[in-house]
C-alpha cells in the first residue's frame, strides 16, 4: 500500500490529532479525510440506511403481534418517537465527541478499550457485513425476478449479481466520496419518491374505490395484551435502526456541530411520517390477513392498485437496497478506520489514500467480509440472532453519554438535552433488551456467544504488548513483494523500517511517560521524544520515497506476481 499514508496518533490529555503529516519540500502536508458531506448528504445517509427493503417487502412483524391495523399504526408511531429520543442522544454525542467511528468511539471514550473492541468485533466482523450481504441478495432477487417470471431465481446468478453490486459500490466509495454521496442522494430520493407514490396510490384508491380503511376493519382482530404489544414494539423499533450511522462519518461533515443534529432532526420525523402513511396506504387496499400472507407487500399492493405501473415496484425495491448498502459501506468502513487508528485493528486499516483521501484498506476489508457472507449462507442466518446485541450497543452508547455528563461535566457540549431524554431512552432500551426472553431465549444465548467471542481475540491480538510486526506495518510485505533492490530502494532500507519489539517498546514507553511528565524525569522524556520523532521521521521519509515508486512496484507485481509471492511467503515464515 505504498500510495497510502497512515494516520498518526498523538495524545495530549483528551486532545487527539487524527492527521498524518508528510514532509514535502520543507513543508508539512496534512493527510486527512475532507469535510465534504453537506446537510442534504447527511439527511440522505440517514434516510437511505433506515429505509431499506423492509417497508417494501414485508412490514408484517408489527401486525403479526398486534393483530389489528389500528394498533400496528400506534406502535409505528411510538417506535418513531423512541427513535427520535435515541437520535437526539446521538446528536449530543456526535457534537461532544466530534470524531468518526460512531458507537465505537463513544464506548471507547467512556468505558475503555475492551468494551469498544467487543463492539468493533461484533459490528464489523458479523453485523454490518451480514446486513450488506442480505441487502445485496434482496437487490439481486428483485432485479432478476422479471427474467424468471415462472420460477424462483437461480442461486448462482443471484450471488454473482450481489457480489458485483458490492464490489461496484466499494469501488465508488474508494474512488470518490462525492460519487458515493451522489449515489446515496439519488437512491434516497428515489426510494422516498417510491414511498410517496404508494401513499398517493392509496389516497386515490381510498376515494375512488372500495377500501378497507374503516374503523371495523382497522380494529378487527386486535391482540391487546402486554406481551404482544411488547413484541410488536420490539419488531417495529428495528425498522428505524440506522439513525446513528451518520455519527460514523462525523469528521467528514461540513460544520458538524450544526449539520449533524439538523440532519437528525429532519430525517427521523420524515421517516416516521412516511412509515405511518405507507402502512395506512397498505391497509386501504389490503386486509391485515393479506399483509401477513404477502411475501412482498409493496408488490401485492401495486398489483392491486397501480395497474400498468405495478411492474416498476421491484425496481424501486432494488434501488432501495442499493441506497442501504451504499450507506452502510460509506459509514461502517469508518469504524474500521477509527478502530485501527486507536490500535485495536491492524494499522493498515487506518491508512488513507494520499490523493483520493479515502480509507481504501477499510473499504476493501468490509467488501471482502461482505462477500464471504454472500457465499456462506450459515453466516447470513446469524443476523437473526443479533437484535439483542445491536440494542445493547445503543444502550452502551447512551450510557456513555450519561457517564460523560457525570464524570466530565465541564466537557464542551454544543448541544445538551434534558437528562430525561437519555434516561427515558435507556429505560426503554432495557425493556427492549428484556423482551426477547419472552419470545426466544436462544437468540440471547447466541448473541452472548458472539459478543464473548471477541474477548479471546482482544487478549491475543490487541492486549499483548509485543504484537506481531505485520499487524503494525503490513504494507512492508507488499513492498518486499514488489522490490528487488532496484529503483533506489533496497531491502536493507525496507528492513530498517520493519519495526521490531524494541522500536515498539520505545514508542510505548514514550506514550506512557508523556502523561506523567509532572512526576517523571523531563530530560529523560525529551530523549525518548527525540528517539520516537526520529523513528517516525524515518518512516515518513521512506513512505514518501515509496509513494514515488508505487507505479513501478505495481508493474512489477503484475509481471512477476507468482514468484514474488513465494519470496514474500518465505520472508514471512522466516521472520
Protein backbone atom coordinates (compact mmCIF):
# COMPACT_ATOMS: atom_id res chain seq x y z
CA UNK A 1 0.00 0.00 0.00
CA UNK A 2 2.73 2.37 -0.95
CA UNK A 3 0.31 5.06 -2.08
CA UNK A 4 -1.25 5.41 1.35
CA UNK A 5 -0.29 7.21 4.50
CA UNK A 6 -1.18 6.02 7.96
CA UNK A 7 -2.88 8.25 10.48
CA UNK A 8 -0.65 9.18 13.40
CA UNK A 9 -1.92 9.33 16.97
CA UNK A 10 -0.61 11.87 19.45
CA UNK A 11 -2.47 12.11 22.72
CA UNK A 12 -2.33 15.35 24.67
CA UNK A 13 -4.70 14.80 27.57
CA UNK A 14 -8.08 14.45 25.92
CA UNK A 15 -6.99 16.22 22.73
CA UNK A 16 -6.38 13.78 19.90
CA UNK A 17 -5.00 14.72 16.49
CA UNK A 18 -6.06 12.29 13.78
CA UNK A 19 -3.85 13.50 11.00
CA UNK A 20 -0.82 12.27 9.13
CA UNK A 21 1.99 14.65 8.37
CA UNK A 22 4.20 14.35 5.32
CA UNK A 23 7.33 16.43 4.85
CA UNK A 24 7.36 17.72 1.30
CA UNK A 25 9.78 20.45 0.18
CA UNK A 26 10.26 21.51 3.78
CA UNK A 27 6.55 21.94 4.41
CA UNK A 28 4.14 19.82 6.43
CA UNK A 29 1.22 18.44 4.43
CA UNK A 30 -1.64 17.02 6.44
CA UNK A 31 -3.32 13.91 5.06
CA UNK A 32 -6.85 13.56 6.35
CA UNK A 33 -10.37 12.93 5.13
CA UNK A 34 -12.04 16.13 3.98
CA UNK A 35 -15.29 17.59 5.25
CA UNK A 36 -17.38 17.01 2.13
CA UNK A 37 -20.80 15.97 3.48
CA UNK A 38 -23.49 18.65 3.43
CA UNK A 39 -26.76 18.83 5.36
CA UNK A 40 -28.59 17.22 2.43
CA UNK A 41 -25.97 14.45 2.24
CA UNK A 42 -26.43 13.80 5.96
CA UNK A 43 -30.20 13.52 5.58
CA UNK A 44 -29.91 11.13 2.63
CA UNK A 45 -27.44 8.93 4.53
CA UNK A 46 -29.79 8.58 7.50
CA UNK A 47 -32.91 8.09 5.36
CA UNK A 48 -31.06 5.78 2.98
CA UNK A 49 -29.83 3.47 5.74
CA UNK A 50 -33.09 3.41 7.73
CA UNK A 51 -35.43 2.91 4.78
CA UNK A 52 -34.30 -0.43 3.42
CA UNK A 53 -36.26 -3.13 1.67
CA UNK A 54 -38.35 -3.98 4.74
CA UNK A 55 -41.05 -1.34 4.30
CA UNK A 56 -41.50 -2.52 0.68
CA UNK A 57 -41.20 -6.25 1.20
CA UNK A 58 -42.72 -7.31 4.49
CA UNK A 59 -43.68 -4.90 7.29
CA UNK A 60 -45.67 -7.69 8.88
CA UNK A 61 -43.72 -8.18 12.11
CA UNK A 62 -45.73 -5.50 13.92
CA UNK A 63 -49.19 -6.50 12.72
CA UNK A 64 -48.39 -10.15 13.38
CA UNK A 65 -48.19 -9.33 17.09
CA UNK A 66 -50.91 -6.67 17.36
CA UNK A 67 -53.48 -8.44 15.18
CA UNK A 68 -55.11 -5.19 14.05
CA UNK A 69 -54.16 -2.39 11.69
CA UNK A 70 -55.04 0.34 14.20
CA UNK A 71 -52.76 -0.99 16.95
CA UNK A 72 -49.95 -1.53 14.45
CA UNK A 73 -50.14 2.14 13.40
CA UNK A 74 -49.97 3.19 17.08
CA UNK A 75 -46.89 1.00 17.55
CA UNK A 76 -45.23 2.52 14.46
CA UNK A 77 -45.80 5.99 15.89
CA UNK A 78 -44.28 5.10 19.27
CA UNK A 79 -41.31 3.46 17.55
CA UNK A 80 -40.68 6.71 15.69
CA UNK A 81 -40.83 8.73 18.92
CA UNK A 82 -38.46 6.29 20.63
CA UNK A 83 -36.04 6.53 17.70
CA UNK A 84 -36.19 10.32 17.84
CA UNK A 85 -35.17 10.20 21.53
CA UNK A 86 -32.23 7.97 20.61
CA UNK A 87 -31.28 10.20 17.70
CA UNK A 88 -31.24 13.24 19.99
CA UNK A 89 -28.82 11.40 22.28
CA UNK A 90 -26.58 10.67 19.31
CA UNK A 91 -26.75 14.31 18.24
CA UNK A 92 -25.31 15.29 21.62
CA UNK A 93 -22.68 12.54 21.47
CA UNK A 94 -21.66 13.47 17.93
CA UNK A 95 -21.12 17.14 18.80
CA UNK A 96 -19.47 16.42 22.17
CA UNK A 97 -17.04 13.86 20.69
CA UNK A 98 -16.57 15.09 17.10
CA UNK A 99 -14.73 12.02 15.82
CA UNK A 100 -15.63 9.42 13.23
CA UNK A 101 -16.41 5.91 14.45
CA UNK A 102 -19.86 6.36 15.98
CA UNK A 103 -20.74 3.89 18.73
CA UNK A 104 -17.20 2.52 18.82
CA UNK A 105 -15.73 5.95 19.55
CA UNK A 106 -18.26 6.81 22.27
CA UNK A 107 -17.87 3.45 24.04
CA UNK A 108 -14.08 3.74 23.78
CA UNK A 109 -14.06 7.25 25.27
CA UNK A 110 -16.37 6.38 28.18
CA UNK A 111 -15.65 2.74 29.05
CA UNK A 112 -12.22 1.95 27.64
CA UNK A 113 -10.64 -0.41 25.16
CA UNK A 114 -12.20 -3.80 25.95
CA UNK A 115 -15.91 -2.86 25.59
CA UNK A 116 -15.04 -0.82 22.50
CA UNK A 117 -13.21 -3.71 20.87
CA UNK A 118 -16.04 -6.14 21.63
CA UNK A 119 -18.45 -3.81 19.86
CA UNK A 120 -15.98 -3.39 16.99
CA UNK A 121 -15.61 -7.14 16.66
CA UNK A 122 -19.34 -7.76 16.67
CA UNK A 123 -20.33 -4.91 14.36
CA UNK A 124 -17.60 -5.12 11.76
CA UNK A 125 -16.97 -8.85 11.59
CA UNK A 126 -20.59 -10.02 11.67
CA UNK A 127 -23.41 -7.46 11.85
CA UNK A 128 -22.54 -4.96 9.12
CA UNK A 129 -21.16 -7.44 6.55
CA UNK A 130 -24.22 -9.64 7.10
CA UNK A 131 -26.53 -6.66 6.65
CA UNK A 132 -24.76 -5.71 3.42
CA UNK A 133 -24.97 -9.29 2.13
CA UNK A 134 -28.67 -9.62 2.90
CA UNK A 135 -29.49 -6.31 1.21
CA UNK A 136 -27.38 -7.26 -1.81
CA UNK A 137 -29.16 -10.60 -2.14
CA UNK A 138 -32.54 -8.86 -1.90
CA UNK A 139 -31.41 -6.46 -4.63
CA UNK A 140 -30.40 -9.36 -6.88
CA UNK A 141 -33.62 -11.26 -6.29
CA UNK A 142 -35.85 -8.33 -7.25
CA UNK A 143 -33.63 -7.33 -10.18
CA UNK A 144 -33.57 -10.81 -11.70
CA UNK A 145 -37.15 -11.84 -10.91
CA UNK A 146 -38.60 -10.31 -14.15
CA UNK A 147 -36.27 -12.59 -16.13
CA UNK A 148 -37.60 -15.66 -14.28
CA UNK A 149 -41.36 -14.95 -14.13
CA UNK A 150 -42.45 -18.56 -13.68
CA UNK A 151 -39.83 -19.86 -11.26
CA UNK A 152 -37.51 -18.96 -8.42
CA UNK A 153 -34.38 -17.02 -9.34
CA UNK A 154 -31.38 -19.43 -9.51
CA UNK A 155 -28.79 -19.11 -6.76
CA UNK A 156 -25.67 -18.60 -8.90
CA UNK A 157 -26.90 -15.53 -10.84
CA UNK A 158 -28.20 -14.07 -7.57
CA UNK A 159 -24.83 -14.48 -5.85
CA UNK A 160 -22.87 -13.14 -8.82
CA UNK A 161 -25.05 -10.04 -9.18
CA UNK A 162 -24.88 -9.45 -5.41
CA UNK A 163 -21.08 -9.66 -5.50
CA UNK A 164 -20.97 -7.31 -8.49
CA UNK A 165 -23.14 -4.80 -6.64
CA UNK A 166 -20.97 -4.84 -3.50
CA UNK A 167 -17.72 -4.56 -5.47
CA UNK A 168 -19.09 -1.71 -7.60
CA UNK A 169 -20.29 0.30 -4.60
CA UNK A 170 -16.99 -0.34 -2.82
CA UNK A 171 -15.09 0.97 -5.85
CA UNK A 172 -17.28 4.10 -5.90
CA UNK A 173 -16.58 4.72 -2.20
CA UNK A 174 -12.85 4.14 -2.72
CA UNK A 175 -12.53 6.41 -5.71
CA UNK A 176 -14.54 9.45 -4.69
CA UNK A 177 -16.65 10.34 -1.66
CA UNK A 178 -18.67 12.70 -3.84
CA UNK A 179 -19.60 9.81 -6.12
CA UNK A 180 -20.72 7.87 -3.08
CA UNK A 181 -22.82 10.73 -1.71
CA UNK A 182 -24.34 11.32 -5.15
CA UNK A 183 -25.29 7.65 -5.30
CA UNK A 184 -26.79 7.96 -1.83
CA UNK A 185 -28.67 11.13 -2.75
CA UNK A 186 -30.17 9.58 -5.90
CA UNK A 187 -31.17 6.31 -4.22
CA UNK A 188 -32.66 8.07 -1.18
CA UNK A 189 -34.68 10.47 -3.31
CA UNK A 190 -35.84 7.55 -5.48
CA UNK A 191 -36.99 5.44 -2.54
CA UNK A 192 -38.79 8.41 -0.96
CA UNK A 193 -40.47 9.03 -4.32
CA UNK A 194 -41.50 5.36 -4.45
CA UNK A 195 -42.98 5.52 -0.95
CA UNK A 196 -44.84 8.72 -1.79
CA UNK A 197 -46.16 7.01 -4.93
CA UNK A 198 -47.57 4.27 -2.69
CA UNK A 199 -49.15 6.92 -0.46
CA UNK A 200 -50.73 8.78 -3.40
CA UNK A 201 -51.97 5.50 -4.88
CA UNK A 202 -53.53 4.67 -1.51
CA UNK A 203 -55.23 8.07 -1.32
CA UNK A 204 -56.58 7.65 -4.86
CA UNK A 205 -57.85 4.15 -4.05
CA UNK A 206 -59.48 5.45 -0.85
CA UNK A 207 -61.61 7.99 -2.71
CA UNK A 208 -62.22 6.15 -5.97
CA UNK A 209 -62.69 2.50 -4.98
CA UNK A 210 -63.99 0.28 -2.24
CA UNK A 211 -61.41 0.13 0.54
CA UNK A 212 -60.73 -1.48 3.90
CA UNK A 213 -59.83 1.74 5.74
CA UNK A 214 -62.69 1.93 8.23
CA UNK A 215 -62.94 1.51 11.98
CA UNK A 216 -64.30 -2.02 11.88
CA UNK A 217 -61.58 -3.26 9.54
CA UNK A 218 -58.79 -1.37 11.31
CA UNK A 219 -59.74 -2.59 14.78
CA UNK A 220 -60.71 -6.15 13.87
CA UNK A 221 -58.69 -8.97 15.42
CA UNK A 222 -56.68 -6.83 17.84
CA UNK A 223 -54.48 -8.66 20.33
CA UNK A 224 -54.34 -6.21 23.23
CA UNK A 225 -52.00 -7.63 25.87
CA UNK A 226 -48.68 -6.51 27.29
CA UNK A 227 -46.58 -9.35 25.87
CA UNK A 228 -47.92 -8.96 22.32
CA UNK A 229 -47.55 -5.17 22.35
CA UNK A 230 -44.02 -5.53 23.71
CA UNK A 231 -43.05 -7.91 20.93
CA UNK A 232 -44.70 -5.63 18.36
CA UNK A 233 -42.66 -2.68 19.63
CA UNK A 234 -39.57 -4.89 19.59
CA UNK A 235 -40.24 -5.69 15.92
CA UNK A 236 -41.02 -2.13 14.88
CA UNK A 237 -38.11 -0.38 16.56
CA UNK A 238 -35.57 -2.21 14.43
CA UNK A 239 -37.18 -0.83 11.27
CA UNK A 240 -35.76 2.51 12.46
CA UNK A 241 -32.24 1.20 13.07
CA UNK A 242 -29.66 3.29 11.24
CA UNK A 243 -30.31 6.75 12.70
CA UNK A 244 -26.87 6.57 14.33
CA UNK A 245 -24.93 5.81 11.14
CA UNK A 246 -24.21 9.43 10.30
CA UNK A 247 -22.15 9.63 13.50
CA UNK A 248 -19.66 7.20 11.92
CA UNK A 249 -18.56 9.93 9.48
CA UNK A 250 -18.62 12.95 11.83
CA UNK A 251 -15.17 14.13 10.72
CA UNK A 252 -16.34 14.34 7.09
CA UNK A 253 -19.42 16.50 7.76
CA UNK A 254 -19.26 20.19 6.95
CA UNK A 255 -19.84 22.21 10.13
CA UNK A 256 -20.76 19.06 12.13
CA UNK A 257 -21.96 20.98 15.20
CA UNK A 258 -24.86 22.29 13.11
CA UNK A 259 -25.35 19.83 10.26
CA UNK A 260 -25.18 16.61 12.31
CA UNK A 261 -28.09 17.47 14.64
CA UNK A 262 -30.03 19.15 11.84
CA UNK A 263 -29.77 16.03 9.70
CA UNK A 264 -31.17 14.01 12.60
CA UNK A 265 -33.95 16.49 13.39
CA UNK A 266 -35.11 16.44 9.76
CA UNK A 267 -34.67 12.76 8.90
CA UNK A 268 -36.30 10.90 11.80
CA UNK A 269 -39.67 12.76 11.67
CA UNK A 270 -39.74 12.38 7.87
CA UNK A 271 -39.14 8.62 8.11
CA UNK A 272 -41.74 8.25 10.88
CA UNK A 273 -44.43 10.11 8.94
CA UNK A 274 -43.68 8.20 5.73
CA UNK A 275 -43.77 4.84 7.55
CA UNK A 276 -47.17 5.72 9.00
CA UNK A 277 -48.57 6.91 5.67
CA UNK A 278 -47.26 3.88 3.75
CA UNK A 279 -48.76 1.46 6.27
CA UNK A 280 -52.06 3.33 6.09
CA UNK A 281 -51.94 3.05 2.28
CA UNK A 282 -51.37 -0.69 2.56
CA UNK A 283 -54.41 -1.06 4.81
CA UNK A 284 -56.57 0.93 2.38
CA UNK A 285 -56.18 -1.76 -0.29
CA UNK A 286 -55.24 -4.85 1.73
CA UNK A 287 -56.65 -6.53 4.81
CA UNK A 288 -54.31 -7.35 7.72
CA UNK A 289 -54.51 -11.03 6.73
CA UNK A 290 -53.39 -10.21 3.18
CA UNK A 291 -50.49 -8.18 4.56
CA UNK A 292 -49.42 -11.13 6.70
CA UNK A 293 -49.60 -13.62 3.82
CA UNK A 294 -47.91 -11.45 1.20
CA UNK A 295 -44.19 -12.20 0.56
CA UNK A 296 -43.75 -8.63 -0.73
CA UNK A 297 -46.46 -6.22 0.44
CA UNK A 298 -45.50 -3.36 -1.89
CA UNK A 299 -45.66 -5.63 -4.95
CA UNK A 300 -49.04 -7.04 -3.88
CA UNK A 301 -50.30 -3.50 -3.27
CA UNK A 302 -49.02 -2.33 -6.67
CA UNK A 303 -50.64 -5.25 -8.50
CA UNK A 304 -54.00 -4.40 -6.94
CA UNK A 305 -53.93 -0.59 -7.08
CA UNK A 306 -51.38 0.71 -9.59
CA UNK A 307 -52.33 -1.23 -12.72
CA UNK A 308 -49.83 -0.67 -15.54
CA UNK A 309 -47.35 0.94 -13.12
CA UNK A 310 -47.09 -2.18 -10.95
CA UNK A 311 -44.00 -3.63 -12.76
CA UNK A 312 -41.88 -0.69 -11.55
CA UNK A 313 -42.22 -1.67 -7.88
CA UNK A 314 -39.47 -4.36 -7.97
CA UNK A 315 -37.22 -1.69 -9.49
CA UNK A 316 -37.92 0.62 -6.55
CA UNK A 317 -37.13 -2.20 -4.10
CA UNK A 318 -33.80 -2.78 -5.87
CA UNK A 319 -32.93 0.95 -5.75
CA UNK A 320 -33.80 1.00 -2.05
CA UNK A 321 -31.37 -1.86 -1.44
CA UNK A 322 -28.62 -0.01 -3.34
CA UNK A 323 -29.08 3.02 -1.09
CA UNK A 324 -28.95 0.94 2.08
CA UNK A 325 -25.83 -0.96 1.03
CA UNK A 326 -24.06 2.20 -0.12
CA UNK A 327 -24.91 3.97 3.15
CA UNK A 328 -23.64 1.07 5.25
CA UNK A 329 -20.40 0.83 3.23
CA UNK A 330 -19.79 4.58 3.43
CA UNK A 331 -20.31 4.77 7.19
CA UNK A 332 -19.22 1.38 8.55
CA UNK A 333 -15.84 1.50 6.83
CA UNK A 334 -15.04 4.47 9.06
CA UNK A 335 -15.35 2.17 12.08
CA UNK A 336 -12.55 0.01 10.70
CA UNK A 337 -10.60 3.23 10.23
CA UNK A 338 -11.31 4.53 13.76
CA UNK A 339 -10.55 1.17 15.37
CA UNK A 340 -7.23 0.85 13.55
CA UNK A 341 -6.38 4.45 14.42
CA UNK A 342 -6.75 3.55 18.10
CA UNK A 343 -4.57 0.44 17.74
CA UNK A 344 -7.48 -2.01 18.01
CA UNK A 345 -7.10 -3.28 14.43
CA UNK A 346 -4.10 -3.64 12.08
CA UNK A 347 -2.57 -0.27 11.20
CA UNK A 348 -3.13 -0.97 7.52
CA UNK A 349 -6.84 -0.22 8.04
CA UNK A 350 -6.02 3.29 9.31
CA UNK A 351 -4.39 4.28 6.04
CA UNK A 352 -5.84 6.95 3.77
CA UNK A 353 -5.07 7.27 0.08
CA UNK A 354 -2.77 10.26 -0.37
CA UNK A 355 -4.63 11.70 -3.36
CA UNK A 356 -8.18 10.33 -3.06
CA UNK A 357 -8.31 10.89 0.74
CA UNK A 358 -10.48 7.82 1.26
CA UNK A 359 -9.84 4.88 3.67
CA UNK A 360 -9.40 2.33 0.89
CA UNK A 361 -8.00 -0.53 3.05
CA UNK A 362 -11.00 -0.29 5.40
CA UNK A 363 -13.40 -0.29 2.46
CA UNK A 364 -11.73 -3.32 0.90
CA UNK A 365 -11.79 -5.21 4.21
CA UNK A 366 -15.53 -4.54 4.60
CA UNK A 367 -16.10 -5.60 0.99
CA UNK A 368 -14.28 -8.91 1.48
CA UNK A 369 -16.18 -9.73 4.67
CA UNK A 370 -19.47 -8.95 2.93
CA UNK A 371 -18.58 -11.23 0.02
CA UNK A 372 -17.85 -14.04 2.47
CA UNK A 373 -21.33 -13.58 3.93
CA UNK A 374 -22.88 -13.91 0.47
CA UNK A 375 -21.25 -17.26 -0.20
CA UNK A 376 -21.72 -18.72 3.30
CA UNK A 377 -25.44 -18.85 3.97
CA UNK A 378 -24.99 -20.02 7.56
CA UNK A 379 -23.34 -16.71 8.42
CA UNK A 380 -26.26 -14.80 6.95
CA UNK A 381 -28.53 -16.56 9.42
CA UNK A 382 -26.54 -15.05 12.31
CA UNK A 383 -28.16 -11.67 11.69
CA UNK A 384 -31.39 -13.10 13.10
CA UNK A 385 -29.70 -13.53 16.47
CA UNK A 386 -28.18 -10.07 16.77
CA UNK A 387 -31.14 -7.83 17.61
CA UNK A 388 -30.23 -8.13 21.27
CA UNK A 389 -26.60 -7.28 20.54
CA UNK A 390 -27.48 -4.24 18.42
CA UNK A 391 -29.74 -2.86 21.14
CA UNK A 392 -27.04 -3.43 23.75
CA UNK A 393 -24.64 -1.32 21.66
CA UNK A 394 -27.11 1.57 21.51
CA UNK A 395 -27.69 1.14 25.24
CA UNK A 396 -23.93 1.34 25.90
CA UNK A 397 -23.54 4.45 23.74
CA UNK A 398 -26.29 6.36 25.55
CA UNK A 399 -24.91 5.08 28.86
CA UNK A 400 -21.61 6.63 27.74
CA UNK A 401 -23.43 9.94 27.35
CA UNK A 402 -24.70 9.72 30.94
CA UNK A 403 -21.26 8.76 32.26
CA UNK A 404 -19.63 11.71 30.49
CA UNK A 405 -22.32 14.01 31.89
CA UNK A 406 -21.42 12.86 35.42
CA UNK A 407 -17.64 12.36 35.16
CA UNK A 408 -16.83 15.23 32.78
CA UNK A 409 -19.44 17.92 33.40
CA UNK A 410 -17.17 20.66 32.01
CA UNK A 411 -16.68 18.96 28.65
CA UNK A 412 -17.73 21.36 25.85
CA UNK A 413 -21.21 20.41 24.64
CA UNK A 414 -22.55 22.42 21.69
CA UNK A 415 -25.86 20.56 22.18
CA UNK A 416 -27.15 19.47 25.56
CA UNK A 417 -30.60 17.98 26.12
CA UNK A 418 -32.51 17.49 29.34
CA UNK A 419 -31.38 14.40 31.25
CA UNK A 420 -34.88 12.97 30.92
CA UNK A 421 -34.19 12.28 27.23
CA UNK A 422 -31.26 9.82 27.69
CA UNK A 423 -32.75 8.37 30.90
CA UNK A 424 -36.08 7.66 29.20
CA UNK A 425 -34.31 6.17 26.21
CA UNK A 426 -32.15 3.90 28.39
CA UNK A 427 -35.18 2.65 30.32
CA UNK A 428 -36.95 1.74 27.08
CA UNK A 429 -33.74 0.11 25.85
CA UNK A 430 -33.73 -2.10 28.94
CA UNK A 431 -37.31 -3.02 28.17
CA UNK A 432 -36.36 -3.93 24.60
CA UNK A 433 -33.40 -5.98 25.86
CA UNK A 434 -35.57 -7.99 28.25
CA UNK A 435 -38.39 -8.58 25.74
CA UNK A 436 -36.60 -11.32 23.72
CA UNK A 437 -36.59 -13.56 26.79
CA UNK A 438 -40.33 -13.96 26.28
CA UNK A 439 -40.01 -14.79 22.60
CA UNK A 440 -36.87 -16.90 22.38
CA UNK A 441 -34.05 -17.12 24.93
CA UNK A 442 -31.97 -18.97 22.33
CA UNK A 443 -31.39 -15.72 20.46
CA UNK A 444 -29.94 -14.11 23.59
CA UNK A 445 -27.59 -17.05 24.13
CA UNK A 446 -26.42 -16.87 20.52
CA UNK A 447 -25.87 -13.11 20.79
CA UNK A 448 -23.95 -13.54 24.07
CA UNK A 449 -21.69 -16.17 22.48
CA UNK A 450 -20.97 -13.88 19.53
CA UNK A 451 -20.20 -10.96 21.84
CA UNK A 452 -17.95 -13.01 24.14
CA UNK A 453 -16.02 -14.43 21.18
CA UNK A 454 -14.35 -11.04 20.88
CA UNK A 455 -12.66 -11.38 24.29
CA UNK A 456 -10.07 -14.03 23.33
CA UNK A 457 -9.39 -12.16 20.08
CA UNK A 458 -8.73 -8.99 22.08
CA UNK A 459 -6.41 -10.80 24.51
CA UNK A 460 -4.48 -12.50 21.71
CA UNK A 461 -4.03 -9.64 19.24
CA UNK A 462 -4.77 -6.31 20.94
CA UNK A 463 -3.93 -6.58 24.63
CA UNK A 464 -0.46 -8.10 24.14
CA UNK A 465 2.36 -5.56 24.07
CA UNK A 466 4.76 -7.37 21.72
CA UNK A 467 2.41 -7.70 18.76
CA UNK A 468 3.47 -9.39 15.52
CA UNK A 469 5.19 -6.87 13.29
CA UNK A 470 2.81 -7.46 10.39
CA UNK A 471 -0.05 -6.04 12.48
CA UNK A 472 1.77 -2.70 12.61
CA UNK A 473 3.45 -2.49 9.21
CA UNK A 474 1.60 -4.79 6.77
CA UNK A 475 2.46 -2.62 3.80
CA UNK A 476 6.10 -3.64 4.27
CA UNK A 477 5.15 -7.10 2.95
CA UNK A 478 3.79 -5.51 -0.21
CA UNK A 479 6.99 -3.53 -0.66
CA UNK A 480 9.06 -6.69 -0.30
CA UNK A 481 6.88 -8.38 -2.90
CA UNK A 482 7.42 -5.54 -5.36
CA UNK A 483 11.08 -4.69 -4.80
CA UNK A 484 14.25 -6.48 -5.91
CA UNK A 485 16.74 -3.97 -4.62
CA UNK A 486 16.32 -1.64 -7.60
CA UNK A 487 14.87 1.80 -8.32
CA UNK A 488 16.53 3.45 -5.35
CA UNK A 489 15.02 1.38 -2.53
CA UNK A 490 16.94 -1.66 -1.31
CA UNK A 491 15.90 -4.42 1.02
CA UNK A 492 18.10 -3.07 3.81
CA UNK A 493 16.17 0.18 3.69
CA UNK A 494 12.93 -1.74 3.81
CA UNK A 495 14.03 -3.95 6.69
CA UNK A 496 15.17 -0.85 8.57
CA UNK A 497 11.58 0.34 8.68
CA UNK A 498 10.18 -3.03 9.66
CA UNK A 499 9.76 -2.10 13.29
CA UNK A 500 10.59 -4.75 15.86
CA UNK A 501 9.73 -5.13 19.52
CA UNK A 502 12.47 -2.69 20.60
CA UNK A 503 11.12 0.14 18.45
CA UNK A 504 7.58 -0.54 19.55
CA UNK A 505 8.72 -0.51 23.16
CA UNK A 506 10.30 2.93 22.66
CA UNK A 507 7.06 4.32 21.33
CA UNK A 508 5.02 2.66 24.09
CA UNK A 509 7.31 3.94 26.85
CA UNK A 510 7.20 7.44 25.43
CA UNK A 511 3.40 7.46 25.18
CA UNK A 512 3.08 6.19 28.78
CA UNK A 513 5.69 8.52 30.29
CA UNK A 514 4.39 11.55 28.41
CA UNK A 515 1.27 11.68 30.60
CA UNK A 516 3.43 11.58 33.76
CA UNK A 517 5.74 14.49 32.89
CA UNK A 518 4.84 16.21 36.15
CA UNK A 519 6.36 13.43 38.25
CA UNK A 520 8.87 11.93 35.84
CA UNK A 521 12.27 12.95 34.55
CA UNK A 522 11.78 15.73 31.97
CA UNK A 523 15.21 15.23 30.40
CA UNK A 524 14.59 11.50 30.03
CA UNK A 525 11.26 12.28 28.40
CA UNK A 526 12.97 14.60 25.90
CA UNK A 527 15.42 11.84 24.96
CA UNK A 528 12.52 9.44 24.46
CA UNK A 529 10.72 12.01 22.36
CA UNK A 530 13.75 12.51 20.12
CA UNK A 531 14.03 8.76 19.57
CA UNK A 532 10.34 8.44 18.67
CA UNK A 533 10.41 11.52 16.42
CA UNK A 534 13.45 10.06 14.67
CA UNK A 535 11.68 6.76 14.12
CA UNK A 536 8.59 8.48 12.76
CA UNK A 537 10.60 10.87 10.58
CA UNK A 538 12.50 7.96 9.02
CA UNK A 539 9.24 6.13 8.45
CA UNK A 540 7.59 9.17 6.81
CA UNK A 541 10.64 9.81 4.64
CA UNK A 542 10.67 6.22 3.50
CA UNK A 543 6.94 6.33 2.81
CA UNK A 544 7.40 9.38 0.59
CA UNK A 545 10.03 7.55 -1.42
CA UNK A 546 7.79 4.51 -1.64
CA UNK A 547 4.92 6.65 -2.92
CA UNK A 548 7.11 7.93 -5.75
CA UNK A 549 7.92 4.38 -6.80
CA UNK A 550 4.42 2.95 -6.38
CA UNK A 551 3.73 2.78 -10.10
CA UNK A 552 6.90 0.82 -10.75
CA UNK A 553 6.09 -1.52 -7.90
CA UNK A 554 2.61 -2.17 -9.29
CA UNK A 555 4.05 -3.06 -12.69
CA UNK A 556 6.48 -5.49 -11.10
CA UNK A 557 3.71 -7.19 -9.16
CA UNK A 558 1.73 -7.71 -12.36
CA UNK A 559 4.76 -9.02 -14.30
CA UNK A 560 6.13 -11.46 -11.76
CA UNK A 561 3.39 -11.92 -9.13
CA UNK A 562 3.76 -15.66 -8.62
CA UNK A 563 7.47 -15.68 -7.97
CA UNK A 564 7.41 -12.64 -5.71
CA UNK A 565 4.55 -14.09 -3.66
CA UNK A 566 6.68 -17.15 -2.95
CA UNK A 567 9.53 -14.88 -1.84
CA UNK A 568 7.18 -12.90 0.39
CA UNK A 569 5.82 -16.07 1.99
CA UNK A 570 9.34 -17.33 2.69
CA UNK A 571 10.28 -13.95 4.22
CA UNK A 572 7.12 -14.02 6.32
CA UNK A 573 7.77 -17.57 7.61
CA UNK A 574 11.43 -16.89 8.33
CA UNK A 575 10.61 -13.69 10.24
